[in-house]
Amino acid sequence: SADVTLDLVDFSFILSQPLTSGQQTIRVNNQGSHAHEIWLAKLGEGKSANDLLMALAPGSPTEDWVYNGLGGLTWIDPGSHGYFTVDLEPGRYALICFVPDHATGSMHFMLGMVQEFEVE
């Protein structure tokens, strides 16, 4: 059973409640009309989701710790769902969708499907 529900819509994330410290199972529902995915990462001290995306860009210089990928789910079709479990510590995190949009070719995070949040 899930502790939290995360709905994927075109093009944002909606949590049923804030994520908290400790282990929790997240049910992910794709409520959108496009395939989506969810990638969860803990951000380095003083880093943002934009810093994380820049660190992933081809040819980016190696920096101090920017993020720690914690998992998620890949390619969830519209109307589908899945589960993943994470163990979160206090800090800043990012949710990101890297699926490319069929109409524009842009990755979904470029269309707004990236969200930062804090766990206390």
PDB file of N, CA and C in Angstrom:
ATOM      1  N   SER A   1       0.839  -1.185   0.000  1.00  0.00           N
ATOM      2  CA  SER A   1       0.000   0.000   0.000  1.00  0.00           C
ATOM      3  C   SER A   1       0.884   1.247   0.000  1.00  0.00           C
ATOM      4  N   ALA A   2       0.350   2.325  -0.505  1.00  0.00           N
ATOM      5  CA  ALA A   2       1.110   3.563  -0.652  1.00  0.00           C
ATOM      6  C   ALA A   2       0.928   4.468   0.556  1.00  0.00           C
ATOM      7  N   ASP A   3       2.005   5.185   0.888  1.00  0.00           N
ATOM      8  CA  ASP A   3       1.952   6.211   1.929  1.00  0.00           C
ATOM      9  C   ASP A   3       1.548   7.557   1.333  1.00  0.00           C
ATOM     10  N   VAL A   4       1.918   7.774   0.073  1.00  0.00           N
ATOM     11  CA  VAL A   4       1.678   9.037  -0.632  1.00  0.00           C
ATOM     12  C   VAL A   4       1.315   8.709  -2.075  1.00  0.00           C
ATOM     13  N   THR A   5       0.454   9.529  -2.668  1.00  0.00           N
ATOM     14  CA  THR A   5       0.125   9.390  -4.084  1.00  0.00           C
ATOM     15  C   THR A   5       0.714  10.577  -4.835  1.00  0.00           C
ATOM     16  N   LEU A   6       1.306  10.287  -5.986  1.00  0.00           N
ATOM     17  CA  LEU A   6       1.877  11.313  -6.854  1.00  0.00           C
ATOM     18  C   LEU A   6       1.197  11.194  -8.216  1.00  0.00           C
ATOM     19  N   ASP A   7       0.442  12.227  -8.588  1.00  0.00           N
ATOM     20  CA  ASP A   7      -0.205  12.245  -9.902  1.00  0.00           C
ATOM     21  C   ASP A   7       0.667  12.989 -10.891  1.00  0.00           C
ATOM     22  N   LEU A   8       0.855  12.381 -12.056  1.00  0.00           N
ATOM     23  CA  LEU A   8       1.573  13.009 -13.159  1.00  0.00           C
ATOM     24  C   LEU A   8       0.523  13.556 -14.118  1.00  0.00           C
ATOM     25  N   VAL A   9       0.591  14.840 -14.394  1.00  0.00           N
ATOM     26  CA  VAL A   9      -0.324  15.471 -15.332  1.00  0.00           C
ATOM     27  C   VAL A   9       0.506  16.196 -16.380  1.00  0.00           C
ATOM     28  N   ASP A  10      -0.117  16.696 -17.401  1.00  0.00           N
ATOM     29  CA  ASP A  10       0.599  17.389 -18.469  1.00  0.00           C
ATOM     30  C   ASP A  10       0.730  18.865 -18.118  1.00  0.00           C
ATOM     31  N   PHE A  11       1.742  19.349 -17.561  1.00  0.00           N
ATOM     32  CA  PHE A  11       3.098  18.903 -17.329  1.00  0.00           C
ATOM     33  C   PHE A  11       3.521  19.320 -15.926  1.00  0.00           C
ATOM     34  N   SER A  12       3.031  18.606 -14.922  1.00  0.00           N
ATOM     35  CA  SER A  12       3.393  18.892 -13.541  1.00  0.00           C
ATOM     36  C   SER A  12       3.182  17.650 -12.671  1.00  0.00           C
ATOM     37  N   PHE A  13       3.601  17.783 -11.413  1.00  0.00           N
ATOM     38  CA  PHE A  13       3.471  16.733 -10.415  1.00  0.00           C
ATOM     39  C   PHE A  13       2.533  17.216  -9.319  1.00  0.00           C
ATOM     40  N   ILE A  14       1.655  16.336  -8.838  1.00  0.00           N
ATOM     41  CA  ILE A  14       0.744  16.695  -7.755  1.00  0.00           C
ATOM     42  C   ILE A  14       0.843  15.611  -6.675  1.00  0.00           C
ATOM     43  N   LEU A  15       1.385  15.999  -5.520  1.00  0.00           N
ATOM     44  CA  LEU A  15       1.495  15.081  -4.391  1.00  0.00           C
ATOM     45  C   LEU A  15       0.232  15.164  -3.536  1.00  0.00           C
ATOM     46  N   SER A  16      -0.236  14.012  -3.041  1.00  0.00           N
ATOM     47  CA  SER A  16      -1.418  13.995  -2.181  1.00  0.00           C
ATOM     48  C   SER A  16      -1.130  14.628  -0.828  1.00  0.00           C
ATOM     49  N   GLN A  17       0.133  14.614  -0.434  1.00  0.00           N
ATOM     50  CA  GLN A  17       0.585  15.245   0.805  1.00  0.00           C
ATOM     51  C   GLN A  17       2.093  15.400   0.696  1.00  0.00           C
ATOM     52  N   PRO A  18       2.686  16.269   1.506  1.00  0.00           N
ATOM     53  CA  PRO A  18       4.143  16.453   1.429  1.00  0.00           C
ATOM     54  C   PRO A  18       4.878  15.162   1.786  1.00  0.00           C
ATOM     55  N   LEU A  19       6.013  14.934   1.134  1.00  0.00           N
ATOM     56  CA  LEU A  19       6.870  13.810   1.488  1.00  0.00           C
ATOM     57  C   LEU A  19       7.605  14.158   2.775  1.00  0.00           C
ATOM     58  N   THR A  20       7.872  13.154   3.593  1.00  0.00           N
ATOM     59  CA  THR A  20       8.493  13.356   4.896  1.00  0.00           C
ATOM     60  C   THR A  20       9.739  12.493   5.022  1.00  0.00           C
ATOM     61  N   SER A  21      10.488  12.716   6.102  1.00  0.00           N
ATOM     62  CA  SER A  21      11.669  11.897   6.383  1.00  0.00           C
ATOM     63  C   SER A  21      11.265  10.457   6.617  1.00  0.00           C
ATOM     64  N   GLY A  22      12.164   9.557   6.227  1.00  0.00           N
ATOM     65  CA  GLY A  22      11.946   8.134   6.462  1.00  0.00           C
ATOM     66  C   GLY A  22      11.508   7.410   5.202  1.00  0.00           C
ATOM     67  N   GLN A  23      11.297   6.127   5.371  1.00  0.00           N
ATOM     68  CA  GLN A  23      10.905   5.279   4.245  1.00  0.00           C
ATOM     69  C   GLN A  23       9.424   5.453   3.946  1.00  0.00           C
ATOM     70  N   GLN A  24       9.116   5.565   2.667  1.00  0.00           N
ATOM     71  CA  GLN A  24       7.718   5.644   2.248  1.00  0.00           C
ATOM     72  C   GLN A  24       7.564   5.081   0.848  1.00  0.00           C
ATOM     73  N   THR A  25       6.398   4.511   0.608  1.00  0.00           N
ATOM     74  CA  THR A  25       6.058   3.983  -0.702  1.00  0.00           C
ATOM     75  C   THR A  25       5.146   4.983  -1.390  1.00  0.00           C
ATOM     76  N   ILE A  26       5.503   5.283  -2.640  1.00  0.00           N
ATOM     77  CA  ILE A  26       4.778   6.283  -3.412  1.00  0.00           C
ATOM     78  C   ILE A  26       4.055   5.595  -4.567  1.00  0.00           C
ATOM     79  N   ARG A  27       2.747   5.815  -4.652  1.00  0.00           N
ATOM     80  CA  ARG A  27       1.984   5.340  -5.801  1.00  0.00           C
ATOM     81  C   ARG A  27       1.978   6.469  -6.826  1.00  0.00           C
ATOM     82  N   VAL A  28       2.387   6.155  -8.045  1.00  0.00           N
ATOM     83  CA  VAL A  28       2.458   7.137  -9.122  1.00  0.00           C
ATOM     84  C   VAL A  28       1.359   6.825 -10.130  1.00  0.00           C
ATOM     85  N   ASN A  29       0.480   7.812 -10.361  1.00  0.00           N
ATOM     86  CA  ASN A  29      -0.621   7.679 -11.325  1.00  0.00           C
ATOM     87  C   ASN A  29      -0.366   8.631 -12.487  1.00  0.00           C
ATOM     88  N   ASN A  30      -0.417   8.119 -13.700  1.00  0.00           N
ATOM     89  CA  ASN A  30      -0.321   9.021 -14.844  1.00  0.00           C
ATOM     90  C   ASN A  30      -1.733   9.467 -15.208  1.00  0.00           C
ATOM     91  N   GLN A  31      -2.057  10.693 -14.819  1.00  0.00           N
ATOM     92  CA  GLN A  31      -3.363  11.286 -15.099  1.00  0.00           C
ATOM     93  C   GLN A  31      -3.340  12.123 -16.377  1.00  0.00           C
ATOM     94  N   GLY A  32      -2.194  12.186 -17.044  1.00  0.00           N
ATOM     95  CA  GLY A  32      -2.056  13.005 -18.246  1.00  0.00           C
ATOM     96  C   GLY A  32      -2.437  12.258 -19.509  1.00  0.00           C
ATOM     97  N   SER A  33      -2.307  12.939 -20.616  1.00  0.00           N
ATOM     98  CA  SER A  33      -2.600  12.335 -21.919  1.00  0.00           C
ATOM     99  C   SER A  33      -1.328  11.908 -22.642  1.00  0.00           C
ATOM    100  N   HIS A  34      -0.163  12.118 -22.000  1.00  0.00           N
ATOM    101  CA  HIS A  34       1.138  11.725 -22.545  1.00  0.00           C
ATOM    102  C   HIS A  34       1.776  10.704 -21.612  1.00  0.00           C
ATOM    103  N   ALA A  35       2.693   9.906 -22.138  1.00  0.00           N
ATOM    104  CA  ALA A  35       3.517   9.063 -21.278  1.00  0.00           C
ATOM    105  C   ALA A  35       4.395   9.992 -20.442  1.00  0.00           C
ATOM    106  N   HIS A  36       4.651   9.614 -19.198  1.00  0.00           N
ATOM    107  CA  HIS A  36       5.513  10.389 -18.305  1.00  0.00           C
ATOM    108  C   HIS A  36       6.407   9.430 -17.541  1.00  0.00           C
ATOM    109  N   GLU A  37       7.375  10.004 -16.847  1.00  0.00           N
ATOM    110  CA  GLU A  37       8.183   9.240 -15.909  1.00  0.00           C
ATOM    111  C   GLU A  37       8.460  10.124 -14.710  1.00  0.00           C
ATOM    112  N   ILE A  38       8.956   9.510 -13.670  1.00  0.00           N
ATOM    113  CA  ILE A  38       9.295  10.252 -12.460  1.00  0.00           C
ATOM    114  C   ILE A  38      10.694   9.850 -12.055  1.00  0.00           C
ATOM    115  N   TRP A  39      11.539  10.854 -11.879  1.00  0.00           N
ATOM    116  CA  TRP A  39      12.883  10.646 -11.357  1.00  0.00           C
ATOM    117  C   TRP A  39      13.022  11.541 -10.147  1.00  0.00           C
ATOM    118  N   LEU A  40      13.435  10.964  -9.026  1.00  0.00           N
ATOM    119  CA  LEU A  40      13.581  11.687  -7.772  1.00  0.00           C
ATOM    120  C   LEU A  40      15.061  11.784  -7.436  1.00  0.00           C
ATOM    121  N   ALA A  41      15.510  12.991  -7.095  1.00  0.00           N
ATOM    122  CA  ALA A  41      16.915  13.190  -6.733  1.00  0.00           C
ATOM    123  C   ALA A  41      17.017  14.107  -5.525  1.00  0.00           C
ATOM    124  N   LYS A  42      17.964  13.806  -4.644  1.00  0.00           N
ATOM    125  CA  LYS A  42      18.281  14.707  -3.531  1.00  0.00           C
ATOM    126  C   LYS A  42      19.293  15.713  -4.056  1.00  0.00           C
ATOM    127  N   LEU A  43      19.030  16.988  -3.823  1.00  0.00           N
ATOM    128  CA  LEU A  43      19.904  18.053  -4.300  1.00  0.00           C
ATOM    129  C   LEU A  43      21.037  18.288  -3.311  1.00  0.00           C
ATOM    130  N   GLY A  44      22.211  18.614  -3.841  1.00  0.00           N
ATOM    131  CA  GLY A  44      23.349  18.959  -2.997  1.00  0.00           C
ATOM    132  C   GLY A  44      23.098  20.268  -2.267  1.00  0.00           C
ATOM    133  N   GLU A  45      23.858  20.498  -1.223  1.00  0.00           N
ATOM    134  CA  GLU A  45      23.727  21.715  -0.416  1.00  0.00           C
ATOM    135  C   GLU A  45      23.845  22.957  -1.298  1.00  0.00           C
ATOM    136  N   GLY A  46      22.834  23.807  -1.252  1.00  0.00           N
ATOM    137  CA  GLY A  46      22.843  25.045  -2.025  1.00  0.00           C
ATOM    138  C   GLY A  46      22.563  24.873  -3.507  1.00  0.00           C
ATOM    139  N   LYS A  47      22.220  23.656  -3.945  1.00  0.00           N
ATOM    140  CA  LYS A  47      21.968  23.385  -5.365  1.00  0.00           C
ATOM    141  C   LYS A  47      20.474  23.402  -5.653  1.00  0.00           C
ATOM    142  N   SER A  48      20.134  23.656  -6.908  1.00  0.00           N
ATOM    143  CA  SER A  48      18.744  23.709  -7.356  1.00  0.00           C
ATOM    144  C   SER A  48      18.504  22.637  -8.414  1.00  0.00           C
ATOM    145  N   ALA A  49      17.248  22.477  -8.787  1.00  0.00           N
ATOM    146  CA  ALA A  49      16.918  21.553  -9.874  1.00  0.00           C
ATOM    147  C   ALA A  49      17.597  21.999 -11.160  1.00  0.00           C
ATOM    148  N   ASN A  50      17.718  23.294 -11.377  1.00  0.00           N
ATOM    149  CA  ASN A  50      18.399  23.789 -12.567  1.00  0.00           C
ATOM    150  C   ASN A  50      19.879  23.389 -12.549  1.00  0.00           C
ATOM    151  N   ASP A  51      20.532  23.459 -11.377  1.00  0.00           N
ATOM    152  CA  ASP A  51      21.923  23.008 -11.262  1.00  0.00           C
ATOM    153  C   ASP A  51      22.031  21.530 -11.627  1.00  0.00           C
ATOM    154  N   LEU A  52      21.075  20.738 -11.171  1.00  0.00           N
ATOM    155  CA  LEU A  52      21.060  19.309 -11.485  1.00  0.00           C
ATOM    156  C   LEU A  52      20.948  19.100 -12.995  1.00  0.00           C
ATOM    157  N   LEU A  53      20.024  19.799 -13.631  1.00  0.00           N
ATOM    158  CA  LEU A  53      19.839  19.647 -15.075  1.00  0.00           C
ATOM    159  C   LEU A  53      21.087  20.075 -15.836  1.00  0.00           C
ATOM    160  N   MET A  54      21.738  21.138 -15.376  1.00  0.00           N
ATOM    161  CA  MET A  54      22.974  21.588 -16.026  1.00  0.00           C
ATOM    162  C   MET A  54      24.083  20.548 -15.854  1.00  0.00           C
ATOM    163  N   ALA A  55      24.144  19.900 -14.679  1.00  0.00           N
ATOM    164  CA  ALA A  55      25.154  18.877 -14.425  1.00  0.00           C
ATOM    165  C   ALA A  55      24.962  17.659 -15.325  1.00  0.00           C
ATOM    166  N   LEU A  56      23.729  17.401 -15.748  1.00  0.00           N
ATOM    167  CA  LEU A  56      23.437  16.257 -16.623  1.00  0.00           C
ATOM    168  C   LEU A  56      23.669  16.563 -18.095  1.00  0.00           C
ATOM    169  N   ALA A  57      23.830  17.834 -18.450  1.00  0.00           N
ATOM    170  CA  ALA A  57      24.006  18.223 -19.854  1.00  0.00           C
ATOM    171  C   ALA A  57      25.332  17.684 -20.385  1.00  0.00           C
ATOM    172  N   PRO A  58      25.342  17.229 -21.643  1.00  0.00           N
ATOM    173  CA  PRO A  58      26.586  16.728 -22.231  1.00  0.00           C
ATOM    174  C   PRO A  58      27.695  17.781 -22.159  1.00  0.00           C
ATOM    175  N   GLY A  59      28.894  17.342 -21.770  1.00  0.00           N
ATOM    176  CA  GLY A  59      30.044  18.228 -21.718  1.00  0.00           C
ATOM    177  C   GLY A  59      30.118  19.106 -20.486  1.00  0.00           C
ATOM    178  N   SER A  60      29.208  18.902 -19.528  1.00  0.00           N
ATOM    179  CA  SER A  60      29.239  19.718 -18.312  1.00  0.00           C
ATOM    180  C   SER A  60      30.491  19.402 -17.500  1.00  0.00           C
ATOM    181  N   PRO A  61      31.104  20.442 -16.920  1.00  0.00           N
ATOM    182  CA  PRO A  61      32.282  20.182 -16.089  1.00  0.00           C
ATOM    183  C   PRO A  61      31.888  19.457 -14.804  1.00  0.00           C
ATOM    184  N   THR A  62      32.811  18.678 -14.278  1.00  0.00           N
ATOM    185  CA  THR A  62      32.578  17.997 -13.017  1.00  0.00           C
ATOM    186  C   THR A  62      32.573  19.029 -11.909  1.00  0.00           C
ATOM    187  N   GLU A  63      31.555  18.986 -11.065  1.00  0.00           N
ATOM    188  CA  GLU A  63      31.408  19.936  -9.964  1.00  0.00           C
ATOM    189  C   GLU A  63      31.397  19.197  -8.646  1.00  0.00           C
ATOM    190  N   ASP A  64      31.304  19.984  -7.586  1.00  0.00           N
ATOM    191  CA  ASP A  64      31.047  19.397  -6.278  1.00  0.00           C
ATOM    192  C   ASP A  64      29.696  18.700  -6.353  1.00  0.00           C
ATOM    193  N   TRP A  65      29.395  17.943  -5.336  1.00  0.00           N
ATOM    194  CA  TRP A  65      28.171  17.156  -5.296  1.00  0.00           C
ATOM    195  C   TRP A  65      26.950  18.012  -5.627  1.00  0.00           C
ATOM    196  N   VAL A  66      26.240  17.632  -6.688  1.00  0.00           N
ATOM    197  CA  VAL A  66      25.063  18.370  -7.141  1.00  0.00           C
ATOM    198  C   VAL A  66      23.773  17.616  -6.797  1.00  0.00           C
ATOM    199  N   TYR A  67      23.789  16.293  -6.918  1.00  0.00           N
ATOM    200  CA  TYR A  67      22.569  15.522  -6.678  1.00  0.00           C
ATOM    201  C   TYR A  67      22.910  14.068  -6.391  1.00  0.00           C
ATOM    202  N   ASN A  68      21.917  13.372  -5.844  1.00  0.00           N
ATOM    203  CA  ASN A  68      21.984  11.937  -5.634  1.00  0.00           C
ATOM    204  C   ASN A  68      20.676  11.358  -6.153  1.00  0.00           C
ATOM    205  N   GLY A  69      20.719  10.637  -7.272  1.00  0.00           N
ATOM    206  CA  GLY A  69      19.518  10.033  -7.827  1.00  0.00           C
ATOM    207  C   GLY A  69      18.995   8.934  -6.917  1.00  0.00           C
ATOM    208  N   LEU A  70      17.700   8.971  -6.619  1.00  0.00           N
ATOM    209  CA  LEU A  70      17.103   8.027  -5.691  1.00  0.00           C
ATOM    210  C   LEU A  70      16.135   7.049  -6.337  1.00  0.00           C
ATOM    211  N   GLY A  71      15.885   7.196  -7.636  1.00  0.00           N
ATOM    212  CA  GLY A  71      14.995   6.265  -8.308  1.00  0.00           C
ATOM    213  C   GLY A  71      13.713   6.903  -8.778  1.00  0.00           C
ATOM    214  N   GLY A  72      12.766   6.057  -9.098  1.00  0.00           N
ATOM    215  CA  GLY A  72      11.488   6.506  -9.615  1.00  0.00           C
ATOM    216  C   GLY A  72      10.904   5.442 -10.528  1.00  0.00           C
ATOM    217  N   LEU A  73      10.201   5.885 -11.562  1.00  0.00           N
ATOM    218  CA  LEU A  73       9.577   4.975 -12.537  1.00  0.00           C
ATOM    219  C   LEU A  73       9.770   5.542 -13.935  1.00  0.00           C
ATOM    220  N   THR A  74      10.013   4.656 -14.890  1.00  0.00           N
ATOM    221  CA  THR A  74      10.183   5.103 -16.274  1.00  0.00           C
ATOM    222  C   THR A  74       8.948   4.808 -17.100  1.00  0.00           C
ATOM    223  N   TRP A  75       8.707   5.662 -18.026  1.00  0.00           N
ATOM    224  CA  TRP A  75       7.713   5.536 -19.084  1.00  0.00           C
ATOM    225  C   TRP A  75       6.397   4.918 -18.610  1.00  0.00           C
ATOM    226  N   ILE A  76       5.585   5.736 -17.981  1.00  0.00           N
ATOM    227  CA  ILE A  76       4.277   5.305 -17.497  1.00  0.00           C
ATOM    228  C   ILE A  76       3.234   5.804 -18.494  1.00  0.00           C
ATOM    229  N   ASP A  77       2.536   4.899 -19.130  1.00  0.00           N
ATOM    230  CA  ASP A  77       1.524   5.277 -20.123  1.00  0.00           C
ATOM    231  C   ASP A  77       0.335   5.969 -19.461  1.00  0.00           C
ATOM    232  N   PRO A  78      -0.399   6.786 -20.213  1.00  0.00           N
ATOM    233  CA  PRO A  78      -1.594   7.437 -19.668  1.00  0.00           C
ATOM    234  C   PRO A  78      -2.551   6.400 -19.069  1.00  0.00           C
ATOM    235  N   GLY A  79      -3.076   6.724 -17.898  1.00  0.00           N
ATOM    236  CA  GLY A  79      -4.009   5.819 -17.228  1.00  0.00           C
ATOM    237  C   GLY A  79      -3.357   4.708 -16.430  1.00  0.00           C
ATOM    238  N   SER A  80      -2.024   4.585 -16.503  1.00  0.00           N
ATOM    239  CA  SER A  80      -1.310   3.533 -15.774  1.00  0.00           C
ATOM    240  C   SER A  80      -0.794   4.053 -14.438  1.00  0.00           C
ATOM    241  N   HIS A  81      -0.326   3.122 -13.604  1.00  0.00           N
ATOM    242  CA  HIS A  81       0.254   3.489 -12.322  1.00  0.00           C
ATOM    243  C   HIS A  81       1.367   2.512 -11.971  1.00  0.00           C
ATOM    244  N   GLY A  82       2.144   2.888 -10.977  1.00  0.00           N
ATOM    245  CA  GLY A  82       3.211   2.041 -10.464  1.00  0.00           C
ATOM    246  C   GLY A  82       3.591   2.523  -9.072  1.00  0.00           C
ATOM    247  N   TYR A  83       4.521   1.819  -8.448  1.00  0.00           N
ATOM    248  CA  TYR A  83       4.945   2.135  -7.088  1.00  0.00           C
ATOM    249  C   TYR A  83       6.461   2.163  -7.016  1.00  0.00           C
ATOM    250  N   PHE A  84       7.013   2.996  -6.150  1.00  0.00           N
ATOM    251  CA  PHE A  84       8.409   2.889  -5.772  1.00  0.00           C
ATOM    252  C   PHE A  84       8.559   3.330  -4.320  1.00  0.00           C
ATOM    253  N   THR A  85       9.604   2.826  -3.681  1.00  0.00           N
ATOM    254  CA  THR A  85       9.848   3.104  -2.275  1.00  0.00           C
ATOM    255  C   THR A  85      11.168   3.850  -2.134  1.00  0.00           C
ATOM    256  N   VAL A  86      11.168   4.881  -1.292  1.00  0.00           N
ATOM    257  CA  VAL A  86      12.371   5.667  -1.036  1.00  0.00           C
ATOM    258  C   VAL A  86      12.531   5.864   0.464  1.00  0.00           C
ATOM    259  N   ASP A  87      13.749   6.149   0.860  1.00  0.00           N
ATOM    260  CA  ASP A  87      14.058   6.483   2.249  1.00  0.00           C
ATOM    261  C   ASP A  87      14.655   7.885   2.221  1.00  0.00           C
ATOM    262  N   LEU A  88      13.876   8.879   2.620  1.00  0.00           N
ATOM    263  CA  LEU A  88      14.284  10.277   2.503  1.00  0.00           C
ATOM    264  C   LEU A  88      14.839  10.803   3.813  1.00  0.00           C
ATOM    265  N   GLU A  89      15.855  11.651   3.703  1.00  0.00           N
ATOM    266  CA  GLU A  89      16.388  12.380   4.848  1.00  0.00           C
ATOM    267  C   GLU A  89      16.043  13.849   4.663  1.00  0.00           C
ATOM    268  N   PRO A  90      16.151  14.644   5.694  1.00  0.00           N
ATOM    269  CA  PRO A  90      15.873  16.070   5.530  1.00  0.00           C
ATOM    270  C   PRO A  90      16.765  16.680   4.436  1.00  0.00           C
ATOM    271  N   GLY A  91      16.200  17.591   3.675  1.00  0.00           N
ATOM    272  CA  GLY A  91      16.951  18.258   2.615  1.00  0.00           C
ATOM    273  C   GLY A  91      16.056  18.672   1.468  1.00  0.00           C
ATOM    274  N   ARG A  92      16.690  19.173   0.397  1.00  0.00           N
ATOM    275  CA  ARG A  92      15.979  19.610  -0.812  1.00  0.00           C
ATOM    276  C   ARG A  92      16.033  18.501  -1.854  1.00  0.00           C
ATOM    277  N   TYR A  93      14.922  18.350  -2.576  1.00  0.00           N
ATOM    278  CA  TYR A  93      14.788  17.298  -3.577  1.00  0.00           C
ATOM    279  C   TYR A  93      14.194  17.873  -4.861  1.00  0.00           C
ATOM    280  N   ALA A  94      14.297  17.088  -5.932  1.00  0.00           N
ATOM    281  CA  ALA A  94      13.682  17.466  -7.199  1.00  0.00           C
ATOM    282  C   ALA A  94      12.977  16.261  -7.810  1.00  0.00           C
ATOM    283  N   LEU A  95      11.815  16.510  -8.402  1.00  0.00           N
ATOM    284  CA  LEU A  95      11.090  15.542  -9.224  1.00  0.00           C
ATOM    285  C   LEU A  95      11.244  16.013 -10.668  1.00  0.00           C
ATOM    286  N   ILE A  96      11.578  15.093 -11.578  1.00  0.00           N
ATOM    287  CA  ILE A  96      11.822  15.480 -12.969  1.00  0.00           C
ATOM    288  C   ILE A  96      11.258  14.414 -13.905  1.00  0.00           C
ATOM    289  N   CYS A  97      10.697  14.866 -15.031  1.00  0.00           N
ATOM    290  CA  CYS A  97      10.278  13.964 -16.113  1.00  0.00           C
ATOM    291  C   CYS A  97      11.169  14.234 -17.318  1.00  0.00           C
ATOM    292  N   PHE A  98      11.837  13.191 -17.812  1.00  0.00           N
ATOM    293  CA  PHE A  98      12.740  13.310 -18.954  1.00  0.00           C
ATOM    294  C   PHE A  98      12.140  12.793 -20.261  1.00  0.00           C
ATOM    295  N   VAL A  99      10.860  12.457 -20.283  1.00  0.00           N
ATOM    296  CA  VAL A  99      10.233  11.950 -21.505  1.00  0.00           C
ATOM    297  C   VAL A  99      10.168  13.079 -22.543  1.00  0.00           C
ATOM    298  N   PRO A 100      10.519  12.791 -23.808  1.00  0.00           N
ATOM    299  CA  PRO A 100      10.404  13.822 -24.840  1.00  0.00           C
ATOM    300  C   PRO A 100       8.957  13.982 -25.308  1.00  0.00           C
ATOM    301  N   ASP A 101       8.561  15.229 -25.539  1.00  0.00           N
ATOM    302  CA  ASP A 101       7.223  15.524 -26.045  1.00  0.00           C
ATOM    303  C   ASP A 101       7.170  15.186 -27.535  1.00  0.00           C
ATOM    304  N   HIS A 102       6.159  14.443 -27.957  1.00  0.00           N
ATOM    305  CA  HIS A 102       6.060  14.032 -29.361  1.00  0.00           C
ATOM    306  C   HIS A 102       5.842  15.216 -30.296  1.00  0.00           C
ATOM    307  N   ALA A 103       5.105  16.203 -29.850  1.00  0.00           N
ATOM    308  CA  ALA A 103       4.781  17.346 -30.720  1.00  0.00           C
ATOM    309  C   ALA A 103       5.963  18.288 -30.912  1.00  0.00           C
ATOM    310  N   THR A 104       6.707  18.560 -29.824  1.00  0.00           N
ATOM    311  CA  THR A 104       7.773  19.565 -29.909  1.00  0.00           C
ATOM    312  C   THR A 104       9.172  18.973 -29.882  1.00  0.00           C
ATOM    313  N   GLY A 105       9.314  17.733 -29.379  1.00  0.00           N
ATOM    314  CA  GLY A 105      10.634  17.139 -29.223  1.00  0.00           C
ATOM    315  C   GLY A 105      11.325  17.582 -27.943  1.00  0.00           C
ATOM    316  N   SER A 106      10.755  18.548 -27.235  1.00  0.00           N
ATOM    317  CA  SER A 106      11.336  19.025 -25.980  1.00  0.00           C
ATOM    318  C   SER A 106      11.083  18.011 -24.869  1.00  0.00           C
ATOM    319  N   MET A 107      12.050  17.877 -23.976  1.00  0.00           N
ATOM    320  CA  MET A 107      11.854  17.022 -22.817  1.00  0.00           C
ATOM    321  C   MET A 107      10.774  17.660 -21.939  1.00  0.00           C
ATOM    322  N   HIS A 108      10.001  16.834 -21.258  1.00  0.00           N
ATOM    323  CA  HIS A 108       8.894  17.350 -20.447  1.00  0.00           C
ATOM    324  C   HIS A 108       9.348  18.338 -19.370  1.00  0.00           C
ATOM    325  N   PHE A 109      10.574  18.156 -18.824  1.00  0.00           N
ATOM    326  CA  PHE A 109      11.029  19.122 -17.823  1.00  0.00           C
ATOM    327  C   PHE A 109      11.148  20.513 -18.429  1.00  0.00           C
ATOM    328  N   MET A 110      11.400  20.602 -19.735  1.00  0.00           N
ATOM    329  CA  MET A 110      11.486  21.900 -20.407  1.00  0.00           C
ATOM    330  C   MET A 110      10.107  22.542 -20.555  1.00  0.00           C
ATOM    331  N   LEU A 111       9.065  21.737 -20.399  1.00  0.00           N
ATOM    332  CA  LEU A 111       7.684  22.228 -20.473  1.00  0.00           C
ATOM    333  C   LEU A 111       7.096  22.445 -19.075  1.00  0.00           C
ATOM    334  N   GLY A 112       7.938  22.389 -18.059  1.00  0.00           N
ATOM    335  CA  GLY A 112       7.500  22.682 -16.698  1.00  0.00           C
ATOM    336  C   GLY A 112       7.421  21.486 -15.772  1.00  0.00           C
ATOM    337  N   MET A 113       7.749  20.292 -16.253  1.00  0.00           N
ATOM    338  CA  MET A 113       7.607  19.105 -15.425  1.00  0.00           C
ATOM    339  C   MET A 113       8.884  18.848 -14.624  1.00  0.00           C
ATOM    340  N   VAL A 114       9.184  19.807 -13.768  1.00  0.00           N
ATOM    341  CA  VAL A 114      10.285  19.721 -12.803  1.00  0.00           C
ATOM    342  C   VAL A 114       9.813  20.459 -11.557  1.00  0.00           C
ATOM    343  N   GLN A 115      10.026  19.861 -10.412  1.00  0.00           N
ATOM    344  CA  GLN A 115       9.520  20.463  -9.165  1.00  0.00           C
ATOM    345  C   GLN A 115      10.502  20.217  -8.046  1.00  0.00           C
ATOM    346  N   GLU A 116      10.827  21.271  -7.328  1.00  0.00           N
ATOM    347  CA  GLU A 116      11.663  21.155  -6.126  1.00  0.00           C
ATOM    348  C   GLU A 116      10.760  21.109  -4.898  1.00  0.00           C
ATOM    349  N   PHE A 117      11.218  20.422  -3.864  1.00  0.00           N
ATOM    350  CA  PHE A 117      10.489  20.404  -2.601  1.00  0.00           C
ATOM    351  C   PHE A 117      11.472  20.126  -1.475  1.00  0.00           C
ATOM    352  N   GLU A 118      11.038  20.401  -0.260  1.00  0.00           N
ATOM    353  CA  GLU A 118      11.892  20.191   0.910  1.00  0.00           C
ATOM    354  C   GLU A 118      11.272  19.156   1.833  1.00  0.00           C
ATOM    355  N   VAL A 119      12.143  18.326   2.388  1.00  0.00           N
ATOM    356  CA  VAL A 119      11.748  17.347   3.394  1.00  0.00           C
ATOM    357  C   VAL A 119      12.355  17.789   4.722  1.00  0.00           C
ATOM    358  N   GLU A 120      11.537  17.860   5.738  1.00  0.00           N
ATOM    359  CA  GLU A 120      12.033  18.276   7.059  1.00  0.00           C
ATOM    360  C   GLU A 120      12.208  17.088   7.971  1.00  0.00           C
TER     361      GLU A 120
END
